Amino acid sequence: MSINAFIIYLSVEMKYSIHTVEAYKHDLRAFERYVKSEYEKKEEDCPLERADQEDIKKWIISLSNQSISFRSINRKLSALKSYYTFLKKTKQIEVSPFERGIFMLKTEKKQKLPFSEAEIEKVLSYFSSKGSFDEVRDRAVIETLYATGIRRSELASLKLADVDMSQHLLKVQGKGDKERYVPIIPELEKTLTEYLAIRAEIANEKSNDFLFLVKNGKKIYPTLVYKIIHSYFSAVTTKKNVSPHVLRHSFASHLLDNGADLNTVKELLGHSSLSSTQVYTNTSLVELKKQYKKAHPRGNADLDDK
């Protein structure tokens, strides 16, 4: 019953995405099955609320023995930690097992590589001024993601009323229903104006005033947003990770490369803390060193590019 209550809490109060809620539920059920099987061997009963540090540590070892990556194990531990925090908050337990000696496993940080400005310009050069509905919409999707740095789920939820051309602002509904405003640059305004004209031709009662639509007039869906980005950018880049999130990453990195303040980028991205934004500074420093080495008179000398 506690897991069901926790899932409702995540969905209703925390307003987590369906994908996140399902992932948490899957991980918690997996731990529940593990604990049940372990205690059945000892002919004992152990509700999940009574599981302790040793149970969690043994589960970690069990997962590791199945060759599950540390990154995936940490994701499962994160779900478990949130669950026990919930149990303590609702006074079902007095102390969380994570308060005493359960830590995330150390993982190697992967360097995220944004698209280069040249790659983005090459993709945008594919589009002509007069194209089909899909082409005009696809360009508007790509430019909106790159010019604003919003998430694909946020883009799919945009409505016509969220676009304020007179104030040059886009209202974005972020995580936890937090609203933020992102400037609309002139180039994006031009592209959106062209898109809105062709959108009016296919909009119908199914559209519900959503900004981005598919041909039948219904709102665009996140999977299609991914397919659009993957399709166009796979043709111009050799990077393994080709997704809408890489465009968000490119937005942040390019702003920082060109002198934007970290706090400003944080606000534009809708991050709650600077630590979430600071991951983009590593990429910017790599680019900074590369440009320095290229421009400095002694640039051919060895320079640490790490």
C-alpha atoms as a PDB file:
ATOM      1  CA  MET A   1       0.000   0.000   0.000  1.00  0.00           C
ATOM      2  CA  SER A   2       2.857   2.373   0.803  1.00  0.00           C
ATOM      3  CA  ILE A   3       4.289   2.109  -2.709  1.00  0.00           C
ATOM      4  CA  ASN A   4       0.896   2.975  -4.215  1.00  0.00           C
ATOM      5  CA  ALA A   5       0.600   5.988  -1.907  1.00  0.00           C
ATOM      6  CA  PHE A   6       4.113   7.063  -2.869  1.00  0.00           C
ATOM      7  CA  ILE A   7       3.311   6.791  -6.589  1.00  0.00           C
ATOM      8  CA  ILE A   8       0.210   8.960  -6.101  1.00  0.00           C
ATOM      9  CA  TYR A   9       2.359  11.457  -4.169  1.00  0.00           C
ATOM     10  CA  LEU A  10       4.876  11.639  -7.046  1.00  0.00           C
ATOM     11  CA  SER A  11       2.140  12.107  -9.652  1.00  0.00           C
ATOM     12  CA  VAL A  12      -0.214  14.477  -7.845  1.00  0.00           C
ATOM     13  CA  GLU A  13       1.910  16.497  -5.420  1.00  0.00           C
ATOM     14  CA  MET A  14       5.356  16.388  -7.023  1.00  0.00           C
ATOM     15  CA  LYS A  15       3.915  16.388 -10.570  1.00  0.00           C
ATOM     16  CA  TYR A  16       6.634  14.079 -11.889  1.00  0.00           C
ATOM     17  CA  SER A  17       6.358  12.964 -15.506  1.00  0.00           C
ATOM     18  CA  ILE A  18       4.628   9.670 -16.334  1.00  0.00           C
ATOM     19  CA  HIS A  19       7.986   8.257 -17.472  1.00  0.00           C
ATOM     20  CA  THR A  20       9.680   9.113 -14.151  1.00  0.00           C
ATOM     21  CA  VAL A  21       6.802   7.767 -12.064  1.00  0.00           C
ATOM     22  CA  GLU A  22       6.822   4.480 -13.999  1.00  0.00           C
ATOM     23  CA  ALA A  23      10.595   4.163 -13.564  1.00  0.00           C
ATOM     24  CA  TYR A  24      10.323   4.735  -9.798  1.00  0.00           C
ATOM     25  CA  LYS A  25       7.493   2.205  -9.501  1.00  0.00           C
ATOM     26  CA  HIS A  26       9.450  -0.388 -11.497  1.00  0.00           C
ATOM     27  CA  ASP A  27      12.559   0.024  -9.318  1.00  0.00           C
ATOM     28  CA  LEU A  28      10.615  -0.105  -6.047  1.00  0.00           C
ATOM     29  CA  ARG A  29       8.721  -3.230  -7.093  1.00  0.00           C
ATOM     30  CA  ALA A  30      12.032  -4.860  -8.035  1.00  0.00           C
ATOM     31  CA  PHE A  31      13.460  -4.137  -4.572  1.00  0.00           C
ATOM     32  CA  GLU A  32      10.231  -5.360  -2.968  1.00  0.00           C
ATOM     33  CA  ARG A  33      10.514  -8.695  -4.822  1.00  0.00           C
ATOM     34  CA  TYR A  34      14.162  -9.004  -3.824  1.00  0.00           C
ATOM     35  CA  VAL A  35      13.470  -8.394  -0.123  1.00  0.00           C
ATOM     36  CA  LYS A  36      10.525 -10.803  -0.166  1.00  0.00           C
ATOM     37  CA  SER A  37      12.582 -13.586  -1.758  1.00  0.00           C
ATOM     38  CA  GLU A  38      15.487 -13.089   0.660  1.00  0.00           C
ATOM     39  CA  TYR A  39      13.283 -13.271   3.753  1.00  0.00           C
ATOM     40  CA  GLU A  40      11.322 -16.238   2.418  1.00  0.00           C
ATOM     41  CA  LYS A  41      14.617 -18.162   2.415  1.00  0.00           C
ATOM     42  CA  LYS A  42      14.833 -17.494   6.163  1.00  0.00           C
ATOM     43  CA  GLU A  43      11.110 -18.239   6.541  1.00  0.00           C
ATOM     44  CA  GLU A  44      10.562 -14.719   7.775  1.00  0.00           C
ATOM     45  CA  ASP A  45       8.340 -11.862   6.687  1.00  0.00           C
ATOM     46  CA  CYS A  46       9.753  -8.376   6.049  1.00  0.00           C
ATOM     47  CA  PRO A  47       7.496  -5.558   4.866  1.00  0.00           C
ATOM     48  CA  LEU A  48       9.360  -2.999   2.779  1.00  0.00           C
ATOM     49  CA  GLU A  49       9.011  -0.468   5.585  1.00  0.00           C
ATOM     50  CA  ARG A  50      11.230  -2.665   7.776  1.00  0.00           C
ATOM     51  CA  ALA A  51      14.014  -3.206   5.241  1.00  0.00           C
ATOM     52  CA  ASP A  52      17.329  -1.891   6.522  1.00  0.00           C
ATOM     53  CA  GLN A  53      20.808  -0.912   5.333  1.00  0.00           C
ATOM     54  CA  GLU A  54      21.984  -4.500   5.061  1.00  0.00           C
ATOM     55  CA  ASP A  55      19.057  -5.374   2.806  1.00  0.00           C
ATOM     56  CA  ILE A  56      19.871  -2.453   0.526  1.00  0.00           C
ATOM     57  CA  LYS A  57      23.610  -3.238   0.471  1.00  0.00           C
ATOM     58  CA  LYS A  58      22.918  -6.883  -0.436  1.00  0.00           C
ATOM     59  CA  TRP A  59      20.574  -5.704  -3.196  1.00  0.00           C
ATOM     60  CA  ILE A  60      23.319  -3.445  -4.582  1.00  0.00           C
ATOM     61  CA  ILE A  61      25.704  -6.418  -4.645  1.00  0.00           C
ATOM     62  CA  SER A  62      23.030  -8.544  -6.322  1.00  0.00           C
ATOM     63  CA  LEU A  63      22.478  -5.925  -9.028  1.00  0.00           C
ATOM     64  CA  SER A  64      26.210  -5.519  -9.564  1.00  0.00           C
ATOM     65  CA  ASN A  65      26.594  -9.295  -9.961  1.00  0.00           C
ATOM     66  CA  GLN A  66      24.042  -9.080 -12.775  1.00  0.00           C
ATOM     67  CA  SER A  67      26.426  -6.695 -14.600  1.00  0.00           C
ATOM     68  CA  ILE A  68      24.022  -3.783 -14.188  1.00  0.00           C
ATOM     69  CA  SER A  69      25.915  -0.500 -14.586  1.00  0.00           C
ATOM     70  CA  PHE A  70      26.659   1.714 -11.598  1.00  0.00           C
ATOM     71  CA  ARG A  71      24.688   4.480 -13.298  1.00  0.00           C
ATOM     72  CA  SER A  72      21.572   2.276 -13.476  1.00  0.00           C
ATOM     73  CA  ILE A  73      22.058   1.101  -9.888  1.00  0.00           C
ATOM     74  CA  ASN A  74      22.282   4.730  -8.750  1.00  0.00           C
ATOM     75  CA  ARG A  75      19.011   5.473 -10.497  1.00  0.00           C
ATOM     76  CA  LYS A  76      17.373   2.631  -8.572  1.00  0.00           C
ATOM     77  CA  LEU A  77      18.917   3.848  -5.313  1.00  0.00           C
ATOM     78  CA  SER A  78      17.592   7.341  -6.016  1.00  0.00           C
ATOM     79  CA  ALA A  79      14.063   5.934  -6.301  1.00  0.00           C
ATOM     80  CA  LEU A  80      14.565   3.981  -3.092  1.00  0.00           C
ATOM     81  CA  LYS A  81      15.952   6.988  -1.214  1.00  0.00           C
ATOM     82  CA  SER A  82      12.970   9.116  -2.260  1.00  0.00           C
ATOM     83  CA  TYR A  83      10.618   6.367  -1.123  1.00  0.00           C
ATOM     84  CA  TYR A  84      12.124   6.130   2.367  1.00  0.00           C
ATOM     85  CA  THR A  85      12.145   9.919   2.651  1.00  0.00           C
ATOM     86  CA  PHE A  86       8.410   9.778   1.900  1.00  0.00           C
ATOM     87  CA  LEU A  87       7.884   7.076   4.550  1.00  0.00           C
ATOM     88  CA  LYS A  88       9.661   9.225   7.131  1.00  0.00           C
ATOM     89  CA  LYS A  89       7.741  12.333   6.078  1.00  0.00           C
ATOM     90  CA  THR A  90       4.440  10.471   6.497  1.00  0.00           C
ATOM     91  CA  LYS A  91       5.651   9.074   9.863  1.00  0.00           C
ATOM     92  CA  GLN A  92       5.584   5.443   8.722  1.00  0.00           C
ATOM     93  CA  ILE A  93       9.222   5.059   9.770  1.00  0.00           C
ATOM     94  CA  GLU A  94      11.388   7.037  12.164  1.00  0.00           C
ATOM     95  CA  VAL A  95      14.738   6.786  10.348  1.00  0.00           C
ATOM     96  CA  SER A  96      15.550   6.270   6.670  1.00  0.00           C
ATOM     97  CA  PRO A  97      18.164   3.576   5.903  1.00  0.00           C
ATOM     98  CA  PHE A  98      19.864   6.177   3.722  1.00  0.00           C
ATOM     99  CA  GLU A  99      20.643   8.356   6.729  1.00  0.00           C
ATOM    100  CA  ARG A 100      23.301   5.935   7.885  1.00  0.00           C
ATOM    101  CA  GLY A 101      25.855   4.718   5.390  1.00  0.00           C
ATOM    102  CA  ILE A 102      24.104   4.157   2.056  1.00  0.00           C
ATOM    103  CA  PHE A 103      25.863   6.162  -0.647  1.00  0.00           C
ATOM    104  CA  MET A 104      25.586   6.433  -4.417  1.00  0.00           C
ATOM    105  CA  LEU A 105      28.180   4.465  -6.370  1.00  0.00           C
ATOM    106  CA  LYS A 106      30.946   6.448  -8.019  1.00  0.00           C
ATOM    107  CA  THR A 107      30.541   6.635 -11.781  1.00  0.00           C
ATOM    108  CA  GLU A 108      32.724   8.109 -14.484  1.00  0.00           C
ATOM    109  CA  LYS A 109      31.245  11.365 -15.732  1.00  0.00           C
ATOM    110  CA  LYS A 110      30.582  11.275 -19.451  1.00  0.00           C
ATOM    111  CA  GLN A 111      31.557  14.375 -21.375  1.00  0.00           C
ATOM    112  CA  LYS A 112      28.449  15.705 -23.043  1.00  0.00           C
ATOM    113  CA  LEU A 113      29.166  17.018 -26.504  1.00  0.00           C
ATOM    114  CA  PRO A 114      26.884  19.749 -27.865  1.00  0.00           C
ATOM    115  CA  PHE A 115      26.296  20.320 -31.541  1.00  0.00           C
ATOM    116  CA  SER A 116      28.677  22.890 -32.993  1.00  0.00           C
ATOM    117  CA  GLU A 117      27.320  26.177 -34.301  1.00  0.00           C
ATOM    118  CA  ALA A 118      28.361  25.019 -37.782  1.00  0.00           C
ATOM    119  CA  GLU A 119      26.320  21.799 -37.461  1.00  0.00           C
ATOM    120  CA  ILE A 120      23.241  23.728 -36.399  1.00  0.00           C
ATOM    121  CA  GLU A 121      23.614  26.225 -39.243  1.00  0.00           C
ATOM    122  CA  LYS A 122      24.034  23.343 -41.704  1.00  0.00           C
ATOM    123  CA  VAL A 123      20.753  21.763 -40.559  1.00  0.00           C
ATOM    124  CA  LEU A 124      18.899  25.075 -40.813  1.00  0.00           C
ATOM    125  CA  SER A 125      20.299  25.620 -44.309  1.00  0.00           C
ATOM    126  CA  TYR A 126      18.330  22.565 -45.488  1.00  0.00           C
ATOM    127  CA  PHE A 127      15.038  24.417 -45.188  1.00  0.00           C
ATOM    128  CA  SER A 128      13.683  26.604 -47.977  1.00  0.00           C
ATOM    129  CA  SER A 129      11.381  29.578 -47.456  1.00  0.00           C
ATOM    130  CA  LYS A 130       8.478  27.662 -48.967  1.00  0.00           C
ATOM    131  CA  GLY A 131       8.100  24.099 -47.762  1.00  0.00           C
ATOM    132  CA  SER A 132       5.483  21.546 -46.770  1.00  0.00           C
ATOM    133  CA  PHE A 133       3.727  21.720 -43.406  1.00  0.00           C
ATOM    134  CA  ASP A 134       6.129  19.150 -41.942  1.00  0.00           C
ATOM    135  CA  GLU A 135       9.191  21.054 -43.159  1.00  0.00           C
ATOM    136  CA  VAL A 136       7.991  24.425 -41.846  1.00  0.00           C
ATOM    137  CA  ARG A 137       7.017  22.871 -38.521  1.00  0.00           C
ATOM    138  CA  ASP A 138      10.280  20.913 -38.225  1.00  0.00           C
ATOM    139  CA  ARG A 139      12.319  24.071 -38.717  1.00  0.00           C
ATOM    140  CA  ALA A 140      10.213  25.871 -36.116  1.00  0.00           C
ATOM    141  CA  VAL A 141      10.725  22.979 -33.671  1.00  0.00           C
ATOM    142  CA  ILE A 142      14.499  22.947 -34.186  1.00  0.00           C
ATOM    143  CA  GLU A 143      14.851  26.725 -33.898  1.00  0.00           C
ATOM    144  CA  THR A 144      12.606  26.900 -30.819  1.00  0.00           C
ATOM    145  CA  LEU A 145      14.637  24.226 -29.010  1.00  0.00           C
ATOM    146  CA  TYR A 146      17.963  25.837 -29.901  1.00  0.00           C
ATOM    147  CA  ALA A 147      16.910  29.461 -29.380  1.00  0.00           C
ATOM    148  CA  THR A 148      15.220  28.876 -26.013  1.00  0.00           C
ATOM    149  CA  GLY A 149      16.855  25.775 -24.525  1.00  0.00           C
ATOM    150  CA  ILE A 150      13.511  24.306 -23.446  1.00  0.00           C
ATOM    151  CA  ARG A 151      12.950  20.574 -22.907  1.00  0.00           C
ATOM    152  CA  ARG A 152      11.110  18.538 -25.542  1.00  0.00           C
ATOM    153  CA  SER A 153       8.255  17.862 -23.070  1.00  0.00           C
ATOM    154  CA  GLU A 154       7.978  21.619 -22.501  1.00  0.00           C
ATOM    155  CA  LEU A 155       7.919  22.244 -26.250  1.00  0.00           C
ATOM    156  CA  ALA A 156       5.172  19.656 -26.794  1.00  0.00           C
ATOM    157  CA  SER A 157       3.045  21.388 -24.130  1.00  0.00           C
ATOM    158  CA  LEU A 158       3.366  24.933 -25.517  1.00  0.00           C
ATOM    159  CA  LYS A 159       0.113  26.680 -26.419  1.00  0.00           C
ATOM    160  CA  LEU A 160      -0.573  29.600 -28.738  1.00  0.00           C
ATOM    161  CA  ALA A 161      -1.172  31.855 -25.728  1.00  0.00           C
ATOM    162  CA  ASP A 162       2.364  31.120 -24.496  1.00  0.00           C
ATOM    163  CA  VAL A 163       3.848  32.997 -27.466  1.00  0.00           C
ATOM    164  CA  ASP A 164       3.869  36.761 -26.892  1.00  0.00           C
ATOM    165  CA  MET A 165       5.306  38.377 -30.003  1.00  0.00           C
ATOM    166  CA  SER A 166       4.626  41.902 -28.717  1.00  0.00           C
ATOM    167  CA  GLN A 167       6.782  41.316 -25.625  1.00  0.00           C
ATOM    168  CA  HIS A 168       9.151  38.943 -27.473  1.00  0.00           C
ATOM    169  CA  LEU A 169       8.653  36.309 -24.768  1.00  0.00           C
ATOM    170  CA  LEU A 170       7.798  32.634 -24.555  1.00  0.00           C
ATOM    171  CA  LYS A 171       6.034  31.343 -21.418  1.00  0.00           C
ATOM    172  CA  VAL A 172       7.251  27.870 -20.479  1.00  0.00           C
ATOM    173  CA  GLN A 173       5.606  25.457 -18.042  1.00  0.00           C
ATOM    174  CA  GLY A 174       8.559  23.661 -16.449  1.00  0.00           C
ATOM    175  CA  LYS A 175       9.004  20.862 -13.942  1.00  0.00           C
ATOM    176  CA  GLY A 176       6.708  21.055 -10.932  1.00  0.00           C
ATOM    177  CA  ASP A 177       4.453  23.451 -12.898  1.00  0.00           C
ATOM    178  CA  LYS A 178       7.001  26.249 -12.446  1.00  0.00           C
ATOM    179  CA  GLU A 179       6.566  28.977 -15.034  1.00  0.00           C
ATOM    180  CA  ARG A 180       9.454  30.865 -16.593  1.00  0.00           C
ATOM    181  CA  TYR A 181       9.803  33.313 -19.471  1.00  0.00           C
ATOM    182  CA  VAL A 182      12.388  32.961 -22.218  1.00  0.00           C
ATOM    183  CA  PRO A 183      13.140  35.729 -24.764  1.00  0.00           C
ATOM    184  CA  ILE A 184      12.202  35.135 -28.385  1.00  0.00           C
ATOM    185  CA  ILE A 185      14.992  36.334 -30.674  1.00  0.00           C
ATOM    186  CA  PRO A 186      14.045  38.017 -34.009  1.00  0.00           C
ATOM    187  CA  GLU A 187      15.115  35.008 -36.114  1.00  0.00           C
ATOM    188  CA  LEU A 188      12.833  32.716 -34.121  1.00  0.00           C
ATOM    189  CA  GLU A 189       9.973  35.233 -34.340  1.00  0.00           C
ATOM    190  CA  LYS A 190      10.265  35.162 -38.119  1.00  0.00           C
ATOM    191  CA  THR A 191      10.248  31.356 -38.207  1.00  0.00           C
ATOM    192  CA  LEU A 192       7.300  31.097 -35.811  1.00  0.00           C
ATOM    193  CA  THR A 193       5.324  33.640 -37.836  1.00  0.00           C
ATOM    194  CA  GLU A 194       5.812  31.513 -40.965  1.00  0.00           C
ATOM    195  CA  TYR A 195       4.828  28.391 -39.051  1.00  0.00           C
ATOM    196  CA  LEU A 196       1.709  29.973 -37.510  1.00  0.00           C
ATOM    197  CA  ALA A 197       0.455  30.872 -40.987  1.00  0.00           C
ATOM    198  CA  ILE A 198       0.668  27.270 -42.198  1.00  0.00           C
ATOM    199  CA  ARG A 199      -0.547  25.918 -38.853  1.00  0.00           C
ATOM    200  CA  ALA A 200      -3.811  27.832 -39.300  1.00  0.00           C
ATOM    201  CA  GLU A 201      -4.509  25.755 -42.412  1.00  0.00           C
ATOM    202  CA  ILE A 202      -4.549  22.408 -40.563  1.00  0.00           C
ATOM    203  CA  ALA A 203      -5.752  23.386 -37.061  1.00  0.00           C
ATOM    204  CA  ASN A 204      -9.106  21.926 -35.972  1.00  0.00           C
ATOM    205  CA  GLU A 205     -11.117  21.140 -32.842  1.00  0.00           C
ATOM    206  CA  LYS A 206      -8.506  18.516 -31.858  1.00  0.00           C
ATOM    207  CA  SER A 207      -5.774  21.131 -31.661  1.00  0.00           C
ATOM    208  CA  ASN A 208      -6.814  22.591 -28.287  1.00  0.00           C
ATOM    209  CA  ASP A 209      -4.710  25.678 -29.042  1.00  0.00           C
ATOM    210  CA  PHE A 210      -1.422  23.762 -28.759  1.00  0.00           C
ATOM    211  CA  LEU A 211       1.369  25.489 -30.646  1.00  0.00           C
ATOM    212  CA  PHE A 212       3.008  22.571 -32.417  1.00  0.00           C
ATOM    213  CA  LEU A 213       0.767  20.135 -34.259  1.00  0.00           C
ATOM    214  CA  VAL A 214       0.919  17.077 -36.487  1.00  0.00           C
ATOM    215  CA  LYS A 215      -0.866  16.920 -39.842  1.00  0.00           C
ATOM    216  CA  ASN A 216      -4.203  15.763 -38.414  1.00  0.00           C
ATOM    217  CA  GLY A 217      -4.345  18.846 -36.186  1.00  0.00           C
ATOM    218  CA  LYS A 218      -3.498  17.093 -32.898  1.00  0.00           C
ATOM    219  CA  LYS A 219      -0.694  18.278 -30.626  1.00  0.00           C
ATOM    220  CA  ILE A 220       2.829  17.126 -31.341  1.00  0.00           C
ATOM    221  CA  TYR A 221       4.152  14.379 -29.074  1.00  0.00           C
ATOM    222  CA  PRO A 222       7.632  14.092 -27.457  1.00  0.00           C
ATOM    223  CA  THR A 223       8.593  10.969 -29.446  1.00  0.00           C
ATOM    224  CA  LEU A 224       8.071  12.839 -32.712  1.00  0.00           C
ATOM    225  CA  VAL A 225      10.160  15.763 -31.416  1.00  0.00           C
ATOM    226  CA  TYR A 226      12.982  13.275 -30.782  1.00  0.00           C
ATOM    227  CA  LYS A 227      12.597  11.792 -34.280  1.00  0.00           C
ATOM    228  CA  ILE A 228      12.745  15.239 -35.895  1.00  0.00           C
ATOM    229  CA  ILE A 229      16.001  16.172 -34.158  1.00  0.00           C
ATOM    230  CA  HIS A 230      17.571  12.753 -34.683  1.00  0.00           C
ATOM    231  CA  SER A 231      16.655  12.688 -38.366  1.00  0.00           C
ATOM    232  CA  TYR A 232      18.072  16.094 -39.305  1.00  0.00           C
ATOM    233  CA  PHE A 233      21.150  16.142 -37.080  1.00  0.00           C
ATOM    234  CA  SER A 234      22.266  12.577 -37.793  1.00  0.00           C
ATOM    235  CA  ALA A 235      22.952  13.768 -41.338  1.00  0.00           C
ATOM    236  CA  VAL A 236      25.449  16.448 -40.246  1.00  0.00           C
ATOM    237  CA  THR A 237      27.210  15.052 -37.176  1.00  0.00           C
ATOM    238  CA  THR A 238      29.232  12.009 -36.156  1.00  0.00           C
ATOM    239  CA  LYS A 239      28.217  12.392 -32.493  1.00  0.00           C
ATOM    240  CA  LYS A 240      26.659   9.279 -30.976  1.00  0.00           C
ATOM    241  CA  ASN A 241      24.120  11.183 -28.907  1.00  0.00           C
ATOM    242  CA  VAL A 242      21.706  12.985 -31.230  1.00  0.00           C
ATOM    243  CA  SER A 243      18.610  14.145 -29.351  1.00  0.00           C
ATOM    244  CA  PRO A 244      16.565  17.205 -28.316  1.00  0.00           C
ATOM    245  CA  HIS A 245      18.525  17.284 -25.055  1.00  0.00           C
ATOM    246  CA  VAL A 246      21.724  17.833 -27.031  1.00  0.00           C
ATOM    247  CA  LEU A 247      20.119  20.958 -28.530  1.00  0.00           C
ATOM    248  CA  ARG A 248      19.316  22.119 -24.988  1.00  0.00           C
ATOM    249  CA  HIS A 249      22.926  21.375 -24.089  1.00  0.00           C
ATOM    250  CA  SER A 250      24.088  23.303 -27.177  1.00  0.00           C
ATOM    251  CA  PHE A 251      21.939  26.293 -26.206  1.00  0.00           C
ATOM    252  CA  ALA A 252      23.567  26.473 -22.755  1.00  0.00           C
ATOM    253  CA  SER A 253      27.116  25.786 -23.935  1.00  0.00           C
ATOM    254  CA  HIS A 254      26.990  28.324 -26.773  1.00  0.00           C
ATOM    255  CA  LEU A 255      25.637  31.009 -24.442  1.00  0.00           C
ATOM    256  CA  LEU A 256      28.452  30.343 -21.977  1.00  0.00           C
ATOM    257  CA  ASP A 257      31.045  30.242 -24.782  1.00  0.00           C
ATOM    258  CA  ASN A 258      29.902  33.695 -25.838  1.00  0.00           C
ATOM    259  CA  GLY A 259      30.119  35.239 -22.378  1.00  0.00           C
ATOM    260  CA  ALA A 260      26.708  34.631 -20.792  1.00  0.00           C
ATOM    261  CA  ASP A 261      26.531  34.593 -16.995  1.00  0.00           C
ATOM    262  CA  LEU A 262      25.976  31.177 -15.386  1.00  0.00           C
ATOM    263  CA  ASN A 263      23.042  32.467 -13.312  1.00  0.00           C
ATOM    264  CA  THR A 264      21.355  33.784 -16.442  1.00  0.00           C
ATOM    265  CA  VAL A 265      21.695  30.409 -18.160  1.00  0.00           C
ATOM    266  CA  LYS A 266      20.346  28.730 -15.011  1.00  0.00           C
ATOM    267  CA  GLU A 267      17.185  30.867 -15.125  1.00  0.00           C
ATOM    268  CA  LEU A 268      16.678  30.313 -18.849  1.00  0.00           C
ATOM    269  CA  LEU A 269      16.992  26.543 -18.469  1.00  0.00           C
ATOM    270  CA  GLY A 270      14.620  26.471 -15.511  1.00  0.00           C
ATOM    271  CA  HIS A 271      17.115  24.810 -13.180  1.00  0.00           C
ATOM    272  CA  SER A 272      16.414  25.023  -9.456  1.00  0.00           C
ATOM    273  CA  SER A 273      20.112  25.107  -8.524  1.00  0.00           C
ATOM    274  CA  LEU A 274      23.412  26.147 -10.069  1.00  0.00           C
ATOM    275  CA  SER A 275      24.816  22.638  -9.680  1.00  0.00           C
ATOM    276  CA  SER A 276      22.506  21.447 -12.473  1.00  0.00           C
ATOM    277  CA  THR A 277      23.758  24.196 -14.771  1.00  0.00           C
ATOM    278  CA  GLN A 278      27.445  23.815 -13.952  1.00  0.00           C
ATOM    279  CA  VAL A 279      27.696  20.583 -15.951  1.00  0.00           C
ATOM    280  CA  TYR A 280      27.661  22.743 -19.074  1.00  0.00           C
ATOM    281  CA  THR A 281      30.723  24.723 -18.011  1.00  0.00           C
ATOM    282  CA  ASN A 282      33.055  21.769 -18.637  1.00  0.00           C
ATOM    283  CA  THR A 283      32.162  21.727 -22.318  1.00  0.00           C
ATOM    284  CA  SER A 284      32.583  25.489 -22.505  1.00  0.00           C
ATOM    285  CA  LEU A 285      36.047  25.272 -20.970  1.00  0.00           C
ATOM    286  CA  VAL A 286      37.026  22.625 -23.517  1.00  0.00           C
ATOM    287  CA  GLU A 287      35.940  24.944 -26.313  1.00  0.00           C
ATOM    288  CA  LEU A 288      37.659  27.894 -24.621  1.00  0.00           C
ATOM    289  CA  LYS A 289      40.969  26.030 -24.469  1.00  0.00           C
ATOM    290  CA  LYS A 290      40.591  24.940 -28.082  1.00  0.00           C
ATOM    291  CA  GLN A 291      40.051  28.526 -29.262  1.00  0.00           C
ATOM    292  CA  TYR A 292      42.876  29.783 -27.053  1.00  0.00           C
ATOM    293  CA  LYS A 293      45.279  27.231 -28.486  1.00  0.00           C
ATOM    294  CA  LYS A 294      44.223  28.148 -32.009  1.00  0.00           C
ATOM    295  CA  ALA A 295      44.584  31.926 -31.494  1.00  0.00           C
ATOM    296  CA  HIS A 296      47.577  32.214 -29.189  1.00  0.00           C
ATOM    297  CA  PRO A 297      50.985  32.832 -30.871  1.00  0.00           C
ATOM    298  CA  ARG A 298      52.406  29.857 -29.022  1.00  0.00           C
ATOM    299  CA  GLY A 299      49.332  27.744 -29.576  1.00  0.00           C
ATOM    300  CA  ASN A 300      51.320  24.875 -31.068  1.00  0.00           C
ATOM    301  CA  ALA A 301      52.962  24.277 -27.704  1.00  0.00           C
ATOM    302  CA  ASP A 302      51.476  21.548 -25.567  1.00  0.00           C
ATOM    303  CA  LEU A 303      48.301  22.722 -23.828  1.00  0.00           C
ATOM    304  CA  ASP A 304      46.161  20.605 -21.585  1.00  0.00           C
ATOM    305  CA  ASP A 305      42.902  20.024 -23.488  1.00  0.00           C
ATOM    306  CA  LYS A 306      41.344  17.961 -20.794  1.00  0.00           C
END
